[in-house]
Amino acid sequence: MPKLEIFPEDQMHYAYGMYLLKSTHPIIRKMHKTIRPSLFGQRAWGSSFLLIDYLSEHPLTEDCKLLELGCGWGVVSVYAASQLGIKATGMDIDDKVFPYMDTLAATNDCRVKSLHASFAELNDKQLSKFNVLVGADVCFWESLITDLVELFKRAQAAGVQQIIISDPGRSTFAQLCDRCESLWPDAFQHYYWYALEPKRFEGQIFTLTF
């Protein structure tokens, strides 16, 4: 007879209609033994929930095709796929995050595609497949500011209609905001935002609508 495993509820979160596995969950702990993401992809970050809360207030249409930049565990992509019925792809430079994203997607009975690339590697052909780019906690180094600005330029040229980026409020994010507002003054919007699920998170969001 197979062993029946019952997972305690305190090893899971429930937020915005999704089930989220904590790093202490047996499945995640088992994965950590053989798969160790780098570049801060070891857990879900609070800015993802800021972005999810924003999308719950400003829902995207079901025919939208979404690309999550620097997806990590792909929390935003899984929300878009499972709760909004959107075709979502998680992109990250570290391919070791994708098993975690796949596990989270399976937990929420949805499918999210993966794309292994850096910001600089995303080309016009790839970007043309998406209507919306989103990203949470993606501007944590100064070197990423220029990479993201150049990516946004390519995205606009490729026909991407909207870009939504969230952050706890780092100085690098402020610099990125300044660059984007200078380049696209009519398209740029900036918000201070908070989320209450699975706990309170505060930060900032900017959008570019082309």
Protein backbone atom coordinates (compact mmCIF):
# COMPACT_ATOMS: atom_id res chain seq x y z
CA MET A 1 0.00 0.00 0.00
CA PRO A 2 1.47 3.43 -0.96
CA LYS A 3 2.23 5.90 1.79
CA LEU A 4 -0.36 8.64 2.22
CA GLU A 5 1.26 12.03 2.77
CA ILE A 6 -0.82 14.86 4.26
CA PHE A 7 0.80 18.28 4.06
CA PRO A 8 0.15 20.72 6.91
CA GLU A 9 -1.62 23.91 5.90
CA ASP A 10 1.07 26.02 7.56
CA GLN A 11 3.44 24.91 4.79
CA MET A 12 1.22 26.49 2.14
CA HIS A 13 -0.19 29.93 1.39
CA TYR A 14 -3.51 30.68 -0.27
CA ALA A 15 -3.53 34.05 -1.99
CA TYR A 16 -5.46 35.57 -4.88
CA GLY A 17 -7.12 32.24 -5.60
CA MET A 18 -3.81 30.36 -5.79
CA TYR A 19 -2.13 27.71 -3.69
CA LEU A 20 1.50 28.59 -2.97
CA LEU A 21 4.07 26.24 -1.51
CA LYS A 22 6.38 27.63 1.16
CA SER A 23 10.10 26.85 1.12
CA THR A 24 9.45 24.52 4.09
CA HIS A 25 6.97 22.40 2.14
CA PRO A 26 8.18 18.78 1.69
CA ILE A 27 8.00 19.03 -2.11
CA ILE A 28 10.08 22.21 -2.18
CA ARG A 29 12.56 20.89 0.37
CA LYS A 30 13.04 17.76 -1.71
CA MET A 31 13.61 19.86 -4.84
CA HIS A 32 16.14 22.04 -3.03
CA LYS A 33 18.33 18.98 -2.52
CA THR A 34 19.03 18.66 -6.23
CA ILE A 35 17.95 21.96 -7.80
CA ARG A 36 19.38 25.20 -6.41
CA PRO A 37 18.39 28.35 -8.32
CA SER A 38 20.83 31.24 -8.32
CA LEU A 39 20.27 34.99 -8.85
CA PHE A 40 17.61 35.26 -6.13
CA GLY A 41 15.33 32.59 -7.61
CA GLN A 42 15.13 30.60 -4.39
CA ARG A 43 11.64 31.79 -3.36
CA ALA A 44 8.68 33.97 -4.29
CA TRP A 45 9.28 37.67 -3.60
CA GLY A 46 6.81 40.22 -2.24
CA SER A 47 6.79 42.39 -5.37
CA SER A 48 5.13 39.53 -7.23
CA PHE A 49 2.06 40.00 -5.04
CA LEU A 50 2.08 43.75 -5.68
CA LEU A 51 1.92 42.95 -9.38
CA ILE A 52 -0.78 40.34 -8.88
CA ASP A 53 -2.86 42.77 -6.84
CA TYR A 54 -2.47 45.37 -9.58
CA LEU A 55 -3.64 42.84 -12.18
CA SER A 56 -6.62 41.95 -9.99
CA GLU A 57 -7.60 45.64 -10.12
CA HIS A 58 -6.70 46.06 -13.80
CA PRO A 59 -7.43 42.63 -15.34
CA LEU A 60 -6.03 41.75 -18.73
CA THR A 61 -8.20 40.31 -21.48
CA GLU A 62 -8.23 36.55 -22.02
CA ASP A 63 -6.74 36.88 -25.51
CA CYS A 64 -3.67 38.52 -23.98
CA LYS A 65 -0.29 36.80 -24.23
CA LEU A 66 1.89 37.60 -21.22
CA LEU A 67 5.64 37.29 -20.69
CA GLU A 68 6.96 37.47 -17.13
CA LEU A 69 10.51 38.84 -17.08
CA GLY A 70 12.87 37.33 -14.52
CA CYS A 71 10.05 35.05 -13.44
CA GLY A 72 11.76 33.03 -10.70
CA TRP A 73 9.05 30.71 -9.44
CA GLY A 74 6.60 32.27 -11.91
CA VAL A 75 4.01 33.38 -9.35
CA VAL A 76 2.65 36.13 -11.60
CA SER A 77 2.53 33.83 -14.63
CA VAL A 78 0.68 31.16 -12.67
CA TYR A 79 -1.82 33.76 -11.43
CA ALA A 80 -2.40 34.99 -14.99
CA ALA A 81 -2.87 31.45 -16.30
CA SER A 82 -4.94 30.01 -13.45
CA GLN A 83 -7.07 33.02 -12.49
CA LEU A 84 -7.28 35.15 -15.63
CA GLY A 85 -7.20 32.39 -18.25
CA ILE A 86 -4.27 34.04 -20.02
CA LYS A 87 -1.54 32.35 -22.02
CA ALA A 88 1.54 33.05 -19.91
CA THR A 89 5.26 32.44 -20.34
CA GLY A 90 7.88 32.75 -17.60
CA MET A 91 11.32 33.93 -18.73
CA ASP A 92 14.48 33.70 -16.64
CA ILE A 93 18.23 33.62 -17.14
CA ASP A 94 18.45 30.73 -14.64
CA ASP A 95 16.84 27.58 -16.02
CA LYS A 96 16.88 25.99 -12.56
CA VAL A 97 13.81 28.04 -11.60
CA PHE A 98 11.57 26.33 -14.14
CA PRO A 99 10.97 23.10 -12.16
CA TYR A 100 9.65 25.30 -9.33
CA MET A 101 7.42 27.22 -11.74
CA ASP A 102 6.14 23.95 -13.23
CA THR A 103 5.37 22.63 -9.73
CA LEU A 104 3.48 25.79 -8.83
CA ALA A 105 1.54 25.63 -12.10
CA ALA A 106 0.64 21.97 -11.55
CA THR A 107 -0.47 22.78 -7.99
CA ASN A 108 -2.90 25.31 -9.47
CA ASP A 109 -4.02 23.12 -12.38
CA CYS A 110 -2.66 25.33 -15.15
CA ARG A 111 0.19 25.41 -17.64
CA VAL A 112 2.88 28.05 -18.04
CA LYS A 113 5.50 27.98 -20.78
CA SER A 114 9.15 28.65 -20.00
CA LEU A 115 11.73 30.72 -21.88
CA HIS A 116 15.42 30.53 -20.93
CA ALA A 117 17.03 33.86 -21.80
CA SER A 118 18.56 37.04 -20.41
CA PHE A 119 17.04 40.49 -20.92
CA ALA A 120 19.66 41.26 -23.56
CA GLU A 121 18.96 38.03 -25.44
CA LEU A 122 15.25 38.63 -25.97
CA ASN A 123 14.92 39.51 -29.64
CA ASP A 124 12.24 41.17 -31.74
CA LYS A 125 10.85 37.88 -33.03
CA GLN A 126 10.38 36.52 -29.51
CA LEU A 127 8.90 39.77 -28.18
CA SER A 128 6.42 40.01 -31.06
CA LYS A 129 4.60 36.97 -29.64
CA PHE A 130 3.46 38.89 -26.55
CA ASN A 131 1.03 41.72 -25.82
CA VAL A 132 2.15 42.41 -22.25
CA LEU A 133 5.44 42.21 -20.38
CA VAL A 134 5.45 42.09 -16.58
CA GLY A 135 8.25 41.85 -14.05
CA ALA A 136 8.62 41.85 -10.27
CA ASP A 137 11.91 42.63 -8.52
CA VAL A 138 13.81 42.66 -11.81
CA CYS A 139 15.93 45.80 -11.34
CA PHE A 140 18.17 44.93 -8.41
CA TRP A 141 21.53 45.86 -10.03
CA GLU A 142 22.50 49.12 -11.74
CA SER A 143 23.71 47.17 -14.77
CA LEU A 144 20.15 45.96 -15.32
CA ILE A 145 18.77 49.47 -15.84
CA THR A 146 20.19 49.87 -19.34
CA ASP A 147 19.40 46.23 -20.20
CA LEU A 148 15.75 46.80 -19.29
CA VAL A 149 15.46 50.14 -21.09
CA GLU A 150 16.87 48.60 -24.27
CA LEU A 151 14.52 45.64 -23.85
CA PHE A 152 11.54 48.00 -23.52
CA LYS A 153 12.60 49.79 -26.72
CA ARG A 154 12.69 46.47 -28.59
CA ALA A 155 9.37 45.47 -27.08
CA GLN A 156 7.69 48.66 -28.26
CA ALA A 157 9.09 48.17 -31.76
CA ALA A 158 7.88 44.55 -31.74
CA GLY A 159 4.30 45.56 -30.94
CA VAL A 160 4.11 44.93 -27.19
CA GLN A 161 1.22 47.03 -25.90
CA GLN A 162 1.93 47.28 -22.18
CA ILE A 163 4.78 46.81 -19.69
CA ILE A 164 4.15 46.54 -15.93
CA ILE A 165 7.03 46.44 -13.43
CA SER A 166 6.84 46.22 -9.62
CA ASP A 167 9.52 46.71 -6.99
CA PRO A 168 9.86 47.27 -3.22
CA GLY A 169 11.30 50.70 -4.03
CA ARG A 170 15.03 50.30 -4.63
CA SER A 171 17.17 53.20 -5.84
CA THR A 172 17.83 51.26 -9.05
CA PHE A 173 14.07 51.04 -9.65
CA ALA A 174 13.81 54.82 -9.17
CA GLN A 175 16.52 55.29 -11.81
CA LEU A 176 14.67 52.97 -14.17
CA CYS A 177 11.48 54.98 -13.60
CA ASP A 178 13.32 58.22 -14.42
CA ARG A 179 14.73 56.75 -17.64
CA CYS A 180 11.35 55.40 -18.75
CA GLU A 181 9.47 58.59 -17.93
CA SER A 182 12.06 60.59 -19.88
CA LEU A 183 11.81 58.31 -22.93
CA TRP A 184 8.05 57.73 -22.88
CA PRO A 185 6.43 60.65 -20.99
CA ASP A 186 2.98 60.07 -22.45
CA ALA A 187 3.05 56.30 -21.86
CA PHE A 188 4.48 56.29 -18.32
CA GLN A 189 2.43 55.93 -15.11
CA HIS A 190 3.81 55.45 -11.59
CA TYR A 191 1.96 54.11 -8.53
CA TYR A 192 2.64 53.40 -4.88
CA TRP A 193 0.95 50.06 -4.20
CA TYR A 194 0.32 47.50 -1.49
CA ALA A 195 -1.00 43.95 -1.30
CA LEU A 196 -2.61 42.15 1.63
CA GLU A 197 -2.22 38.53 0.49
CA PRO A 198 -0.63 36.28 1.67
CA LYS A 199 0.52 39.10 3.98
CA ARG A 200 1.04 42.84 3.62
CA PHE A 201 3.59 43.98 1.04
CA GLU A 202 4.32 47.58 0.04
CA GLY A 203 6.17 48.96 -2.94
CA GLN A 204 5.86 50.69 -6.28
CA ILE A 205 4.65 49.92 -9.78
CA PHE A 206 5.14 51.64 -13.10
CA THR A 207 3.40 50.96 -16.37
CA LEU A 208 4.19 51.80 -19.97
CA THR A 209 1.18 51.72 -22.28
CA PHE A 210 2.07 52.11 -25.95
